[in-house]
Amino acid sequence: MKNHISIMTMLIIVGCSGGQSIIKGTVVMRTGTEAHINLGSDDGIQIGDTLSVWRDETGGRTKTRNVRVGEVRVIKILGKNYSAVEILKGNLNEQDVVEKRLP
């Protein structure tokens, strides 16, 4: 496994309209139909949680937009800051953003 500590993004909890918060992290490694993300038990992630996967993509005239590219489900908590997920939909890349909306 490569050392991905330097490419991890920090956990962000962002308030959004409607009173919801979002926990965001990144895909740090992908192997076949599974991936590792940099969210774990300290972030409130639990086995069975479903997260959306997003990627910034460049369109015409270098406009960057956030595009939903998949969905994953947590299958194992690897520690305080990491979890293993199964890929339910889409094609994930390292550094894609994963997000869980909180009620």
N, C-alpha and C. Protein backbone atom coordinates (compact mmCIF):
# COMPACT_ATOMS: atom_id res chain seq x y z
N MET A 1 0.84 -1.18 0.00
CA MET A 1 0.00 0.00 0.00
C MET A 1 0.89 1.24 0.00
N LYS A 2 0.59 2.16 -0.86
CA LYS A 2 1.34 3.40 -0.93
C LYS A 2 1.00 4.27 0.27
N ASN A 3 1.92 5.12 0.61
CA ASN A 3 1.67 6.06 1.70
C ASN A 3 0.88 7.24 1.14
N HIS A 4 -0.35 7.35 1.56
CA HIS A 4 -1.24 8.40 1.04
C HIS A 4 -1.49 9.51 2.05
N ILE A 5 -0.70 9.52 3.11
CA ILE A 5 -0.91 10.53 4.15
C ILE A 5 -0.82 11.94 3.57
N SER A 6 0.14 12.16 2.65
CA SER A 6 0.34 13.51 2.14
C SER A 6 -0.78 13.98 1.22
N ILE A 7 -1.58 13.04 0.66
CA ILE A 7 -2.64 13.46 -0.25
C ILE A 7 -4.02 13.48 0.39
N MET A 8 -4.09 13.10 1.64
CA MET A 8 -5.39 13.09 2.30
C MET A 8 -5.88 14.52 2.53
N THR A 9 -7.17 14.69 2.37
CA THR A 9 -7.75 15.98 2.76
C THR A 9 -8.26 15.87 4.19
N MET A 10 -8.33 17.00 4.83
CA MET A 10 -8.81 17.01 6.21
C MET A 10 -10.32 16.84 6.25
N LEU A 11 -10.78 16.30 7.34
CA LEU A 11 -12.22 16.17 7.55
C LEU A 11 -12.85 17.55 7.61
N ILE A 12 -13.93 17.68 6.87
CA ILE A 12 -14.64 18.96 6.84
C ILE A 12 -16.08 18.71 7.26
N ILE A 13 -16.54 19.43 8.22
CA ILE A 13 -17.96 19.37 8.56
C ILE A 13 -18.53 20.73 8.19
N VAL A 14 -19.42 20.71 7.22
CA VAL A 14 -19.93 21.93 6.64
C VAL A 14 -21.43 22.01 6.89
N GLY A 15 -21.88 23.14 7.36
CA GLY A 15 -23.31 23.34 7.49
C GLY A 15 -23.90 23.70 6.13
N CYS A 16 -25.09 23.25 5.87
CA CYS A 16 -25.74 23.61 4.61
C CYS A 16 -27.19 23.94 4.90
N SER A 17 -27.85 24.47 3.91
CA SER A 17 -29.23 24.86 4.12
C SER A 17 -30.08 23.67 4.49
N GLY A 18 -31.10 23.90 5.24
CA GLY A 18 -31.96 22.83 5.68
C GLY A 18 -31.51 22.23 7.00
N GLY A 19 -30.47 22.77 7.60
CA GLY A 19 -30.02 22.31 8.90
C GLY A 19 -29.18 21.05 8.85
N GLN A 20 -28.82 20.56 7.67
CA GLN A 20 -28.01 19.37 7.58
C GLN A 20 -26.53 19.73 7.61
N SER A 21 -25.73 18.77 8.06
CA SER A 21 -24.28 18.89 8.00
C SER A 21 -23.77 17.78 7.10
N ILE A 22 -22.55 17.96 6.61
CA ILE A 22 -21.94 17.00 5.71
C ILE A 22 -20.56 16.65 6.24
N ILE A 23 -20.24 15.37 6.29
CA ILE A 23 -18.89 14.92 6.61
C ILE A 23 -18.24 14.57 5.29
N LYS A 24 -17.05 15.14 5.04
CA LYS A 24 -16.35 14.88 3.78
C LYS A 24 -14.98 14.29 4.04
N GLY A 25 -14.59 13.40 3.16
CA GLY A 25 -13.25 12.81 3.19
C GLY A 25 -12.84 12.49 1.77
N THR A 26 -11.83 11.63 1.61
CA THR A 26 -11.35 11.28 0.28
C THR A 26 -11.11 9.79 0.15
N VAL A 27 -11.13 9.35 -1.11
CA VAL A 27 -10.71 7.99 -1.44
C VAL A 27 -9.19 8.02 -1.44
N VAL A 28 -8.57 7.18 -0.60
CA VAL A 28 -7.11 7.17 -0.52
C VAL A 28 -6.49 5.97 -1.23
N MET A 29 -7.31 4.95 -1.52
CA MET A 29 -6.80 3.78 -2.22
C MET A 29 -7.98 3.01 -2.79
N ARG A 30 -7.77 2.44 -3.97
CA ARG A 30 -8.82 1.61 -4.58
C ARG A 30 -8.21 0.28 -5.01
N THR A 31 -8.94 -0.81 -4.70
CA THR A 31 -8.51 -2.14 -5.13
C THR A 31 -9.74 -2.90 -5.61
N GLY A 32 -9.89 -3.07 -6.90
CA GLY A 32 -11.02 -3.81 -7.44
C GLY A 32 -12.35 -3.16 -7.10
N THR A 33 -13.19 -3.90 -6.37
CA THR A 33 -14.53 -3.40 -6.04
C THR A 33 -14.58 -2.75 -4.66
N GLU A 34 -13.42 -2.56 -4.04
CA GLU A 34 -13.35 -1.92 -2.73
C GLU A 34 -12.41 -0.73 -2.77
N ALA A 35 -12.51 0.11 -1.74
CA ALA A 35 -11.64 1.27 -1.61
C ALA A 35 -11.46 1.57 -0.12
N HIS A 36 -10.45 2.37 0.19
CA HIS A 36 -10.26 2.88 1.54
C HIS A 36 -10.50 4.38 1.51
N ILE A 37 -11.16 4.88 2.55
CA ILE A 37 -11.43 6.31 2.67
C ILE A 37 -10.83 6.81 3.98
N ASN A 38 -10.58 8.11 4.05
CA ASN A 38 -9.97 8.67 5.26
C ASN A 38 -11.02 9.20 6.24
N LEU A 39 -12.05 8.42 6.46
CA LEU A 39 -13.05 8.68 7.50
C LEU A 39 -13.19 7.40 8.32
N GLY A 40 -13.23 7.54 9.63
CA GLY A 40 -13.33 6.37 10.48
C GLY A 40 -14.19 6.61 11.70
N SER A 41 -13.89 5.86 12.75
CA SER A 41 -14.72 5.91 13.95
C SER A 41 -14.75 7.29 14.59
N ASP A 42 -13.66 8.04 14.55
CA ASP A 42 -13.65 9.39 15.13
C ASP A 42 -14.57 10.35 14.37
N ASP A 43 -14.91 9.99 13.14
CA ASP A 43 -15.75 10.85 12.31
C ASP A 43 -17.22 10.45 12.36
N GLY A 44 -17.54 9.41 13.14
CA GLY A 44 -18.91 8.97 13.26
C GLY A 44 -19.34 8.00 12.17
N ILE A 45 -18.40 7.51 11.38
CA ILE A 45 -18.71 6.55 10.32
C ILE A 45 -19.01 5.20 10.94
N GLN A 46 -20.04 4.52 10.42
CA GLN A 46 -20.43 3.21 10.93
C GLN A 46 -20.59 2.23 9.78
N ILE A 47 -20.41 0.95 10.09
CA ILE A 47 -20.61 -0.09 9.09
C ILE A 47 -22.05 0.01 8.57
N GLY A 48 -22.20 -0.03 7.25
CA GLY A 48 -23.50 0.08 6.62
C GLY A 48 -23.83 1.47 6.10
N ASP A 49 -23.07 2.49 6.55
CA ASP A 49 -23.29 3.85 6.05
C ASP A 49 -23.07 3.89 4.54
N THR A 50 -23.92 4.64 3.85
CA THR A 50 -23.77 4.85 2.42
C THR A 50 -23.31 6.28 2.19
N LEU A 51 -22.28 6.45 1.35
CA LEU A 51 -21.72 7.76 1.07
C LEU A 51 -21.74 8.02 -0.43
N SER A 52 -21.95 9.26 -0.81
CA SER A 52 -21.87 9.68 -2.20
C SER A 52 -20.42 9.97 -2.54
N VAL A 53 -20.07 9.79 -3.81
CA VAL A 53 -18.71 10.06 -4.28
C VAL A 53 -18.78 11.14 -5.35
N TRP A 54 -17.91 12.16 -5.21
CA TRP A 54 -17.92 13.33 -6.08
C TRP A 54 -16.53 13.56 -6.65
N ARG A 55 -16.49 14.20 -7.81
CA ARG A 55 -15.21 14.54 -8.45
C ARG A 55 -15.35 15.89 -9.14
N ASP A 56 -14.31 16.70 -9.02
CA ASP A 56 -14.27 17.95 -9.79
C ASP A 56 -13.85 17.61 -11.20
N GLU A 57 -14.67 17.98 -12.17
CA GLU A 57 -14.36 17.73 -13.57
C GLU A 57 -14.37 19.04 -14.32
N THR A 58 -13.49 19.13 -15.28
CA THR A 58 -13.38 20.33 -16.09
C THR A 58 -14.21 20.16 -17.35
N GLY A 59 -15.05 21.14 -17.62
CA GLY A 59 -15.89 21.12 -18.81
C GLY A 59 -15.40 22.15 -19.81
N GLY A 60 -16.27 22.54 -20.70
CA GLY A 60 -15.93 23.53 -21.72
C GLY A 60 -15.40 24.81 -21.13
N ARG A 61 -14.38 25.35 -21.77
CA ARG A 61 -13.75 26.61 -21.35
C ARG A 61 -13.27 26.59 -19.92
N THR A 62 -12.74 25.45 -19.52
CA THR A 62 -12.11 25.21 -18.21
C THR A 62 -13.01 25.48 -17.01
N LYS A 63 -14.32 25.34 -17.17
CA LYS A 63 -15.22 25.44 -16.03
C LYS A 63 -15.09 24.14 -15.22
N THR A 64 -14.91 24.28 -13.92
CA THR A 64 -14.83 23.12 -13.06
C THR A 64 -16.15 22.97 -12.33
N ARG A 65 -16.64 21.74 -12.30
CA ARG A 65 -17.89 21.50 -11.59
C ARG A 65 -17.77 20.21 -10.81
N ASN A 66 -18.51 20.14 -9.75
CA ASN A 66 -18.52 18.97 -8.89
C ASN A 66 -19.55 17.98 -9.43
N VAL A 67 -19.11 16.79 -9.83
CA VAL A 67 -19.97 15.80 -10.47
C VAL A 67 -20.05 14.56 -9.59
N ARG A 68 -21.27 14.08 -9.36
CA ARG A 68 -21.43 12.85 -8.61
C ARG A 68 -21.03 11.68 -9.51
N VAL A 69 -20.07 10.86 -9.03
CA VAL A 69 -19.53 9.78 -9.85
C VAL A 69 -19.78 8.39 -9.27
N GLY A 70 -20.38 8.31 -8.08
CA GLY A 70 -20.62 6.99 -7.52
C GLY A 70 -21.21 7.00 -6.13
N GLU A 71 -21.27 5.79 -5.58
CA GLU A 71 -21.81 5.57 -4.24
C GLU A 71 -21.08 4.38 -3.63
N VAL A 72 -20.77 4.48 -2.34
CA VAL A 72 -20.08 3.41 -1.62
C VAL A 72 -20.79 3.10 -0.31
N ARG A 73 -20.52 1.90 0.23
CA ARG A 73 -21.07 1.52 1.53
C ARG A 73 -19.92 1.05 2.42
N VAL A 74 -19.90 1.51 3.66
CA VAL A 74 -18.85 1.14 4.61
C VAL A 74 -19.02 -0.33 5.00
N ILE A 75 -17.93 -1.11 4.82
CA ILE A 75 -17.97 -2.53 5.17
C ILE A 75 -17.06 -2.88 6.34
N LYS A 76 -16.11 -1.99 6.66
CA LYS A 76 -15.21 -2.26 7.79
C LYS A 76 -14.59 -0.95 8.26
N ILE A 77 -14.60 -0.76 9.58
CA ILE A 77 -13.92 0.38 10.17
C ILE A 77 -12.47 -0.05 10.42
N LEU A 78 -11.52 0.66 9.84
CA LEU A 78 -10.12 0.29 9.95
C LEU A 78 -9.40 1.04 11.07
N GLY A 79 -10.08 1.95 11.70
CA GLY A 79 -9.48 2.72 12.78
C GLY A 79 -10.18 4.04 12.96
N LYS A 80 -9.51 4.92 13.71
CA LYS A 80 -10.09 6.23 14.00
C LYS A 80 -10.27 7.08 12.75
N ASN A 81 -9.41 6.86 11.74
CA ASN A 81 -9.42 7.75 10.58
C ASN A 81 -9.57 7.06 9.24
N TYR A 82 -9.84 5.76 9.23
CA TYR A 82 -9.94 5.04 7.96
C TYR A 82 -11.06 4.01 8.00
N SER A 83 -11.65 3.77 6.82
CA SER A 83 -12.67 2.73 6.65
C SER A 83 -12.49 2.08 5.29
N ALA A 84 -12.95 0.84 5.19
CA ALA A 84 -13.01 0.14 3.91
C ALA A 84 -14.45 0.24 3.42
N VAL A 85 -14.60 0.47 2.12
CA VAL A 85 -15.93 0.60 1.53
C VAL A 85 -16.03 -0.31 0.31
N GLU A 86 -17.26 -0.75 0.04
CA GLU A 86 -17.51 -1.45 -1.22
C GLU A 86 -18.11 -0.45 -2.19
N ILE A 87 -17.74 -0.58 -3.45
CA ILE A 87 -18.24 0.33 -4.47
C ILE A 87 -19.58 -0.19 -4.96
N LEU A 88 -20.63 0.59 -4.74
CA LEU A 88 -21.98 0.21 -5.16
C LEU A 88 -22.28 0.67 -6.57
N LYS A 89 -21.83 1.88 -6.90
CA LYS A 89 -22.09 2.49 -8.21
C LYS A 89 -20.88 3.33 -8.60
N GLY A 90 -20.59 3.35 -9.89
CA GLY A 90 -19.61 4.29 -10.41
C GLY A 90 -18.21 3.75 -10.51
N ASN A 91 -17.32 4.65 -10.92
CA ASN A 91 -15.91 4.35 -11.11
C ASN A 91 -15.12 5.34 -10.28
N LEU A 92 -14.55 4.91 -9.18
CA LEU A 92 -13.85 5.79 -8.25
C LEU A 92 -12.38 5.93 -8.61
N ASN A 93 -11.83 7.09 -8.31
CA ASN A 93 -10.40 7.36 -8.42
C ASN A 93 -9.89 7.80 -7.06
N GLU A 94 -8.59 7.62 -6.84
CA GLU A 94 -7.99 8.18 -5.64
C GLU A 94 -8.17 9.69 -5.68
N GLN A 95 -8.39 10.27 -4.55
CA GLN A 95 -8.64 11.69 -4.32
C GLN A 95 -10.06 12.14 -4.63
N ASP A 96 -10.95 11.24 -5.08
CA ASP A 96 -12.36 11.60 -5.18
C ASP A 96 -12.87 11.92 -3.78
N VAL A 97 -13.87 12.76 -3.69
CA VAL A 97 -14.44 13.17 -2.41
C VAL A 97 -15.60 12.26 -2.07
N VAL A 98 -15.63 11.78 -0.82
CA VAL A 98 -16.77 11.01 -0.32
C VAL A 98 -17.49 11.89 0.70
N GLU A 99 -18.82 11.77 0.73
CA GLU A 99 -19.56 12.61 1.67
C GLU A 99 -20.74 11.86 2.24
N LYS A 100 -20.97 12.14 3.51
CA LYS A 100 -22.13 11.60 4.23
C LYS A 100 -22.90 12.78 4.78
N ARG A 101 -24.18 12.80 4.46
CA ARG A 101 -25.06 13.86 5.01
C ARG A 101 -25.57 13.41 6.37
N LEU A 102 -25.53 14.32 7.32
CA LEU A 102 -26.01 14.05 8.67
C LEU A 102 -27.38 14.70 8.83
N PRO A 103 -28.27 14.04 9.58
CA PRO A 103 -29.61 14.62 9.79
C PRO A 103 -29.56 15.89 10.62
